[in-house]
């Protein structure tokens, strides 16, 4: 009878130990469950740009197909607009400024005369 009691106590203690160990393992596993890393907002497959400029002209600025006023007008930005910039290059001189910025979305150029870069902008290659 004493052996039976010892066996029963041992089994009970073992069950409790396994139960506690199992609960701890589940809690640890729950703590280590990978979560999705935060991602940058994506807009219809467009590349996220970190280089920007601000339109300084009161009347806005034209978007041109090439860095010259003799090229096609593709559109415009209003005064104060924050615009994505990809790189800069020399183009037609406008009021003493020869720098033009290629737009970050890949189509068009704006004159540096009417856009203030908010970040250092690399030269186009």
N, C-alpha and C. Protein backbone atom coordinates (compact mmCIF):
# COMPACT_ATOMS: atom_id res chain seq x y z
N UNK A 1 0.81 -1.18 0.00
CA UNK A 1 0.00 0.00 0.00
C UNK A 1 0.85 1.24 0.00
N UNK A 2 1.96 1.22 0.75
CA UNK A 2 2.88 2.35 0.79
C UNK A 2 3.51 2.57 -0.58
N UNK A 3 3.86 1.48 -1.26
CA UNK A 3 4.44 1.60 -2.59
C UNK A 3 3.42 2.19 -3.55
N UNK A 4 2.18 1.80 -3.41
CA UNK A 4 1.13 2.32 -4.26
C UNK A 4 0.94 3.82 -4.03
N UNK A 5 1.02 4.27 -2.78
CA UNK A 5 0.89 5.69 -2.46
C UNK A 5 2.06 6.48 -3.02
N UNK A 6 3.27 5.92 -2.89
CA UNK A 6 4.47 6.59 -3.44
C UNK A 6 4.34 6.71 -4.96
N UNK A 7 3.86 5.66 -5.58
CA UNK A 7 3.70 5.67 -7.04
C UNK A 7 2.67 6.72 -7.44
N UNK A 8 1.58 6.78 -6.70
CA UNK A 8 0.52 7.74 -7.02
C UNK A 8 1.01 9.17 -6.83
N UNK A 9 1.78 9.43 -5.74
CA UNK A 9 2.34 10.77 -5.50
C UNK A 9 3.33 11.12 -6.61
N UNK A 10 4.16 10.16 -6.96
CA UNK A 10 5.15 10.40 -8.01
C UNK A 10 4.47 10.73 -9.34
N UNK A 11 3.42 9.97 -9.65
CA UNK A 11 2.70 10.24 -10.89
C UNK A 11 2.01 11.60 -10.86
N UNK A 12 1.46 11.97 -9.71
CA UNK A 12 0.79 13.26 -9.58
C UNK A 12 1.80 14.40 -9.73
N UNK A 13 2.94 14.27 -9.01
CA UNK A 13 3.99 15.30 -9.11
C UNK A 13 4.52 15.38 -10.54
N UNK A 14 4.72 14.22 -11.16
CA UNK A 14 5.20 14.20 -12.55
C UNK A 14 4.20 14.85 -13.50
N UNK A 15 2.92 14.57 -13.28
CA UNK A 15 1.88 15.16 -14.13
C UNK A 15 1.84 16.68 -13.96
N UNK A 16 1.95 17.12 -12.70
CA UNK A 16 1.97 18.56 -12.45
C UNK A 16 3.19 19.20 -13.10
N UNK A 17 4.32 18.55 -12.97
CA UNK A 17 5.55 19.09 -13.57
C UNK A 17 5.41 19.17 -15.08
N UNK A 18 4.89 18.12 -15.68
CA UNK A 18 4.70 18.13 -17.14
C UNK A 18 3.68 19.17 -17.55
N UNK A 19 2.63 19.31 -16.75
CA UNK A 19 1.62 20.32 -17.06
C UNK A 19 2.19 21.72 -17.00
N UNK A 20 3.00 21.99 -15.97
CA UNK A 20 3.64 23.31 -15.86
C UNK A 20 4.64 23.53 -16.98
N UNK A 21 5.42 22.50 -17.27
CA UNK A 21 6.40 22.60 -18.34
C UNK A 21 5.71 22.82 -19.68
N UNK A 22 4.61 22.12 -19.91
CA UNK A 22 3.86 22.30 -21.16
C UNK A 22 3.28 23.69 -21.28
N UNK A 23 2.75 24.23 -20.17
CA UNK A 23 2.20 25.58 -20.19
C UNK A 23 3.29 26.60 -20.44
N UNK A 24 4.45 26.38 -19.83
CA UNK A 24 5.57 27.31 -20.04
C UNK A 24 6.05 27.26 -21.48
N UNK A 25 6.08 26.05 -22.04
CA UNK A 25 6.52 25.91 -23.43
C UNK A 25 5.54 26.60 -24.37
N UNK A 26 4.24 26.45 -24.10
CA UNK A 26 3.25 27.11 -24.95
C UNK A 26 3.35 28.62 -24.84
N UNK A 27 3.56 29.14 -23.63
CA UNK A 27 3.70 30.58 -23.46
C UNK A 27 4.93 31.09 -24.17
N UNK A 28 6.03 30.32 -24.06
CA UNK A 28 7.26 30.72 -24.74
C UNK A 28 7.06 30.70 -26.24
N UNK A 29 6.40 29.67 -26.74
CA UNK A 29 6.14 29.59 -28.18
C UNK A 29 5.26 30.74 -28.63
N UNK A 30 4.28 31.10 -27.81
CA UNK A 30 3.40 32.22 -28.17
C UNK A 30 4.17 33.53 -28.18
N UNK A 31 5.12 33.67 -27.26
CA UNK A 31 5.92 34.89 -27.22
C UNK A 31 6.84 35.00 -28.43
N UNK A 32 7.21 33.85 -29.01
CA UNK A 32 8.16 33.86 -30.11
C UNK A 32 7.48 33.75 -31.47
N UNK A 33 6.18 33.78 -31.50
CA UNK A 33 5.48 33.71 -32.77
C UNK A 33 5.83 34.91 -33.61
N UNK A 34 6.36 34.69 -34.80
CA UNK A 34 6.75 35.83 -35.63
C UNK A 34 5.55 36.67 -36.01
N UNK A 35 5.75 37.95 -36.02
CA UNK A 35 4.71 38.87 -36.47
C UNK A 35 5.17 39.51 -37.76
N UNK A 36 4.24 39.99 -38.52
CA UNK A 36 4.59 40.65 -39.77
C UNK A 36 5.33 41.93 -39.48
N UNK A 37 6.43 42.13 -40.16
CA UNK A 37 7.20 43.35 -39.99
C UNK A 37 6.44 44.50 -40.62
N UNK A 38 6.48 45.68 -40.01
CA UNK A 38 5.80 46.82 -40.62
C UNK A 38 6.42 47.13 -41.98
N UNK A 39 5.58 47.43 -42.92
CA UNK A 39 6.08 47.74 -44.26
C UNK A 39 5.73 49.17 -44.62
N UNK A 40 6.51 49.71 -45.53
CA UNK A 40 6.23 51.06 -46.02
C UNK A 40 4.97 51.02 -46.86
N UNK A 41 4.16 52.06 -46.78
CA UNK A 41 2.95 52.06 -47.60
C UNK A 41 3.30 52.03 -49.08
N UNK A 42 2.63 51.19 -49.82
CA UNK A 42 2.86 51.08 -51.25
C UNK A 42 1.67 51.68 -51.98
N UNK A 43 1.95 52.36 -53.03
CA UNK A 43 0.88 52.95 -53.81
C UNK A 43 0.97 52.44 -55.23
N UNK A 44 0.11 51.52 -55.56
CA UNK A 44 -0.03 50.96 -56.90
C UNK A 44 1.29 50.63 -57.57
N UNK A 45 2.20 49.98 -56.83
CA UNK A 45 3.45 49.54 -57.40
C UNK A 45 4.49 50.63 -57.56
N UNK A 46 4.21 51.83 -57.15
CA UNK A 46 5.17 52.92 -57.28
C UNK A 46 6.31 52.75 -56.29
N UNK A 47 7.49 53.15 -56.69
CA UNK A 47 8.64 53.09 -55.81
C UNK A 47 8.54 54.17 -54.76
N UNK A 48 8.89 53.82 -53.54
CA UNK A 48 8.88 54.82 -52.47
C UNK A 48 10.15 55.67 -52.57
N UNK A 49 10.00 56.98 -52.57
CA UNK A 49 11.12 57.88 -52.68
C UNK A 49 11.34 58.59 -51.36
N UNK A 50 12.61 58.85 -51.05
CA UNK A 50 12.90 59.57 -49.82
C UNK A 50 13.49 60.94 -50.11
N UNK A 51 13.69 61.28 -51.35
CA UNK A 51 14.23 62.58 -51.74
C UNK A 51 13.10 63.43 -52.28
N UNK A 52 12.99 64.64 -51.74
CA UNK A 52 11.88 65.49 -52.15
C UNK A 52 12.34 66.92 -52.38
N UNK A 53 11.51 67.66 -53.08
CA UNK A 53 11.71 69.08 -53.29
C UNK A 53 10.38 69.80 -53.05
N UNK A 54 10.46 71.11 -52.88
CA UNK A 54 9.25 71.91 -52.65
C UNK A 54 9.19 72.98 -53.73
N UNK A 55 8.05 73.11 -54.38
CA UNK A 55 7.85 74.12 -55.42
C UNK A 55 7.80 75.49 -54.75
N UNK A 56 8.68 76.40 -55.19
CA UNK A 56 8.79 77.73 -54.57
C UNK A 56 8.13 78.83 -55.38
N UNK A 57 7.84 78.60 -56.65
CA UNK A 57 7.23 79.64 -57.48
C UNK A 57 5.78 79.85 -57.09
N UNK A 58 5.36 81.09 -56.98
CA UNK A 58 3.97 81.40 -56.62
C UNK A 58 2.96 80.84 -57.63
N UNK A 59 3.39 80.73 -58.87
CA UNK A 59 2.49 80.26 -59.93
C UNK A 59 2.64 78.76 -60.21
N UNK A 60 3.51 78.07 -59.47
CA UNK A 60 3.76 76.66 -59.70
C UNK A 60 4.90 76.45 -60.68
N UNK A 61 5.08 75.23 -61.12
CA UNK A 61 6.17 74.91 -62.04
C UNK A 61 5.68 73.89 -63.06
N UNK A 62 6.16 74.05 -64.30
CA UNK A 62 5.82 73.13 -65.38
C UNK A 62 6.67 71.87 -65.27
N UNK A 63 6.09 70.75 -65.63
CA UNK A 63 6.82 69.49 -65.78
C UNK A 63 7.14 69.37 -67.26
N UNK A 64 8.41 69.20 -67.57
CA UNK A 64 8.86 69.12 -68.97
C UNK A 64 9.37 67.73 -69.31
N UNK A 65 9.35 67.38 -70.59
CA UNK A 65 9.82 66.06 -71.03
C UNK A 65 11.35 65.97 -71.02
N UNK A 66 12.02 67.12 -71.11
CA UNK A 66 13.49 67.19 -71.07
C UNK A 66 13.87 68.44 -70.27
N UNK A 67 15.11 68.56 -69.83
CA UNK A 67 15.51 69.71 -69.02
C UNK A 67 15.72 71.00 -69.82
N UNK A 68 14.68 71.42 -70.52
CA UNK A 68 14.70 72.64 -71.31
C UNK A 68 13.27 73.14 -71.49
N UNK A 69 13.12 74.45 -71.63
CA UNK A 69 11.78 75.02 -71.87
C UNK A 69 11.31 74.79 -73.30
N UNK A 70 12.19 74.28 -74.15
CA UNK A 70 11.83 73.99 -75.54
C UNK A 70 11.21 72.60 -75.69
N UNK A 71 11.09 71.86 -74.59
CA UNK A 71 10.52 70.51 -74.65
C UNK A 71 9.03 70.54 -74.29
N UNK A 72 8.40 69.42 -74.48
CA UNK A 72 6.96 69.28 -74.26
C UNK A 72 6.59 69.46 -72.79
N UNK A 73 5.50 70.18 -72.54
CA UNK A 73 4.96 70.31 -71.19
C UNK A 73 4.12 69.06 -70.90
N UNK A 74 4.44 68.37 -69.79
CA UNK A 74 3.73 67.15 -69.42
C UNK A 74 2.68 67.40 -68.35
N UNK A 75 2.82 68.52 -67.67
CA UNK A 75 1.90 68.82 -66.57
C UNK A 75 2.49 69.93 -65.72
N UNK A 76 2.02 70.03 -64.49
CA UNK A 76 2.54 71.07 -63.60
C UNK A 76 2.32 70.67 -62.15
N UNK A 77 3.02 71.37 -61.26
CA UNK A 77 2.82 71.24 -59.82
C UNK A 77 2.45 72.62 -59.29
N UNK A 78 1.58 72.65 -58.30
CA UNK A 78 1.15 73.92 -57.71
C UNK A 78 2.23 74.44 -56.77
N UNK A 79 2.13 75.69 -56.42
CA UNK A 79 3.05 76.32 -55.49
C UNK A 79 2.98 75.62 -54.13
N UNK A 80 4.14 75.34 -53.56
CA UNK A 80 4.21 74.69 -52.25
C UNK A 80 4.13 73.19 -52.27
N UNK A 81 3.92 72.58 -53.45
CA UNK A 81 3.80 71.12 -53.54
C UNK A 81 5.11 70.45 -53.17
N UNK A 82 5.02 69.33 -52.46
CA UNK A 82 6.19 68.51 -52.14
C UNK A 82 6.25 67.43 -53.22
N UNK A 83 7.37 67.39 -53.96
CA UNK A 83 7.46 66.50 -55.11
C UNK A 83 8.65 65.55 -54.97
N UNK A 84 8.53 64.31 -55.46
CA UNK A 84 9.63 63.35 -55.39
C UNK A 84 10.68 63.65 -56.46
N UNK A 85 11.94 63.63 -56.07
CA UNK A 85 13.04 63.90 -56.99
C UNK A 85 13.96 62.69 -57.06
N UNK A 86 14.33 62.31 -58.28
CA UNK A 86 15.20 61.16 -58.48
C UNK A 86 16.67 61.57 -58.55
N UNK A 87 16.96 62.62 -59.32
CA UNK A 87 18.34 63.06 -59.51
C UNK A 87 18.34 64.45 -60.13
N UNK A 88 19.54 65.02 -60.29
CA UNK A 88 19.65 66.35 -60.90
C UNK A 88 20.65 66.31 -62.05
N UNK A 89 20.49 67.26 -62.97
CA UNK A 89 21.37 67.36 -64.13
C UNK A 89 21.41 68.81 -64.59
N UNK A 90 22.40 69.12 -65.41
CA UNK A 90 22.46 70.45 -66.01
C UNK A 90 21.53 70.50 -67.21
N UNK A 91 20.85 71.60 -67.36
CA UNK A 91 19.96 71.80 -68.49
C UNK A 91 19.98 73.27 -68.88
N UNK A 92 18.93 73.72 -69.53
CA UNK A 92 18.82 75.10 -69.94
C UNK A 92 18.86 76.01 -68.70
N UNK A 93 19.58 77.11 -68.83
CA UNK A 93 19.69 78.06 -67.72
C UNK A 93 18.41 78.87 -67.61
N UNK A 94 17.82 78.89 -66.41
CA UNK A 94 16.61 79.66 -66.12
C UNK A 94 16.95 80.65 -65.02
N UNK A 95 16.93 81.93 -65.33
CA UNK A 95 17.28 82.98 -64.36
C UNK A 95 18.59 82.68 -63.63
N UNK A 96 19.58 82.22 -64.39
CA UNK A 96 20.90 81.96 -63.83
C UNK A 96 21.08 80.58 -63.21
N UNK A 97 20.06 79.75 -63.21
CA UNK A 97 20.14 78.41 -62.61
C UNK A 97 20.09 77.35 -63.71
N UNK A 98 21.15 76.52 -63.77
CA UNK A 98 21.22 75.48 -64.80
C UNK A 98 20.78 74.10 -64.31
N UNK A 99 20.47 73.96 -63.02
CA UNK A 99 20.09 72.67 -62.46
C UNK A 99 18.63 72.36 -62.77
N UNK A 100 18.39 71.13 -63.20
CA UNK A 100 17.04 70.60 -63.40
C UNK A 100 16.94 69.31 -62.62
N UNK A 101 15.76 69.00 -62.10
CA UNK A 101 15.53 67.78 -61.33
C UNK A 101 14.66 66.83 -62.11
N UNK A 102 15.12 65.57 -62.20
CA UNK A 102 14.29 64.51 -62.79
C UNK A 102 13.33 64.06 -61.70
N UNK A 103 12.07 63.94 -62.06
CA UNK A 103 11.06 63.58 -61.08
C UNK A 103 11.20 62.12 -60.64
N UNK A 104 10.87 61.89 -59.40
CA UNK A 104 11.01 60.57 -58.81
C UNK A 104 10.15 59.50 -59.45
N UNK A 105 9.01 59.86 -60.00
CA UNK A 105 8.16 58.86 -60.63
C UNK A 105 8.62 58.53 -62.04
N UNK A 106 9.72 59.13 -62.47
CA UNK A 106 10.36 58.73 -63.71
C UNK A 106 9.98 59.47 -64.97
N UNK A 107 8.94 60.28 -64.94
CA UNK A 107 8.59 60.97 -66.17
C UNK A 107 8.56 62.47 -65.93
N UNK A 108 9.52 63.12 -66.50
CA UNK A 108 9.52 64.57 -66.46
C UNK A 108 10.64 65.20 -65.66
N UNK A 109 10.80 66.50 -65.94
CA UNK A 109 11.83 67.32 -65.32
C UNK A 109 11.21 68.63 -64.85
N UNK A 110 11.77 69.19 -63.79
CA UNK A 110 11.39 70.53 -63.33
C UNK A 110 12.67 71.34 -63.12
N UNK A 111 12.58 72.63 -63.39
CA UNK A 111 13.74 73.47 -63.23
C UNK A 111 14.07 73.69 -61.76
N UNK A 112 15.35 73.70 -61.46
CA UNK A 112 15.81 73.98 -60.10
C UNK A 112 15.57 75.42 -59.68
N UNK A 113 15.26 76.28 -60.64
CA UNK A 113 15.00 77.69 -60.33
C UNK A 113 13.76 77.84 -59.45
N UNK A 114 12.80 76.96 -59.63
CA UNK A 114 11.54 77.07 -58.90
C UNK A 114 11.25 75.89 -57.97
N UNK A 115 12.28 75.09 -57.70
CA UNK A 115 12.14 73.96 -56.77
C UNK A 115 13.31 73.96 -55.81
N UNK A 116 13.01 73.91 -54.53
CA UNK A 116 14.05 73.83 -53.50
C UNK A 116 14.14 72.36 -53.08
N UNK A 117 15.35 71.78 -53.20
CA UNK A 117 15.48 70.39 -52.77
C UNK A 117 15.50 70.33 -51.24
N UNK A 118 14.77 69.36 -50.69
CA UNK A 118 14.66 69.19 -49.25
C UNK A 118 15.68 68.19 -48.71
N UNK A 119 16.32 67.46 -49.61
CA UNK A 119 17.35 66.47 -49.28
C UNK A 119 18.48 66.63 -50.27
N UNK A 120 19.68 66.13 -49.94
CA UNK A 120 20.74 66.11 -50.95
C UNK A 120 20.31 65.23 -52.13
N UNK A 121 20.46 65.75 -53.33
CA UNK A 121 20.03 65.01 -54.53
C UNK A 121 21.27 64.65 -55.34
N UNK A 122 21.36 63.38 -55.69
CA UNK A 122 22.50 62.89 -56.48
C UNK A 122 22.39 63.36 -57.94
N UNK A 123 23.53 63.38 -58.61
CA UNK A 123 23.55 63.69 -60.04
C UNK A 123 23.04 62.50 -60.83
N UNK A 124 22.33 62.78 -61.91
CA UNK A 124 21.85 61.71 -62.78
C UNK A 124 23.04 61.07 -63.49
N UNK A 125 22.91 59.80 -63.79
CA UNK A 125 24.00 59.10 -64.50
C UNK A 125 23.66 58.94 -65.95
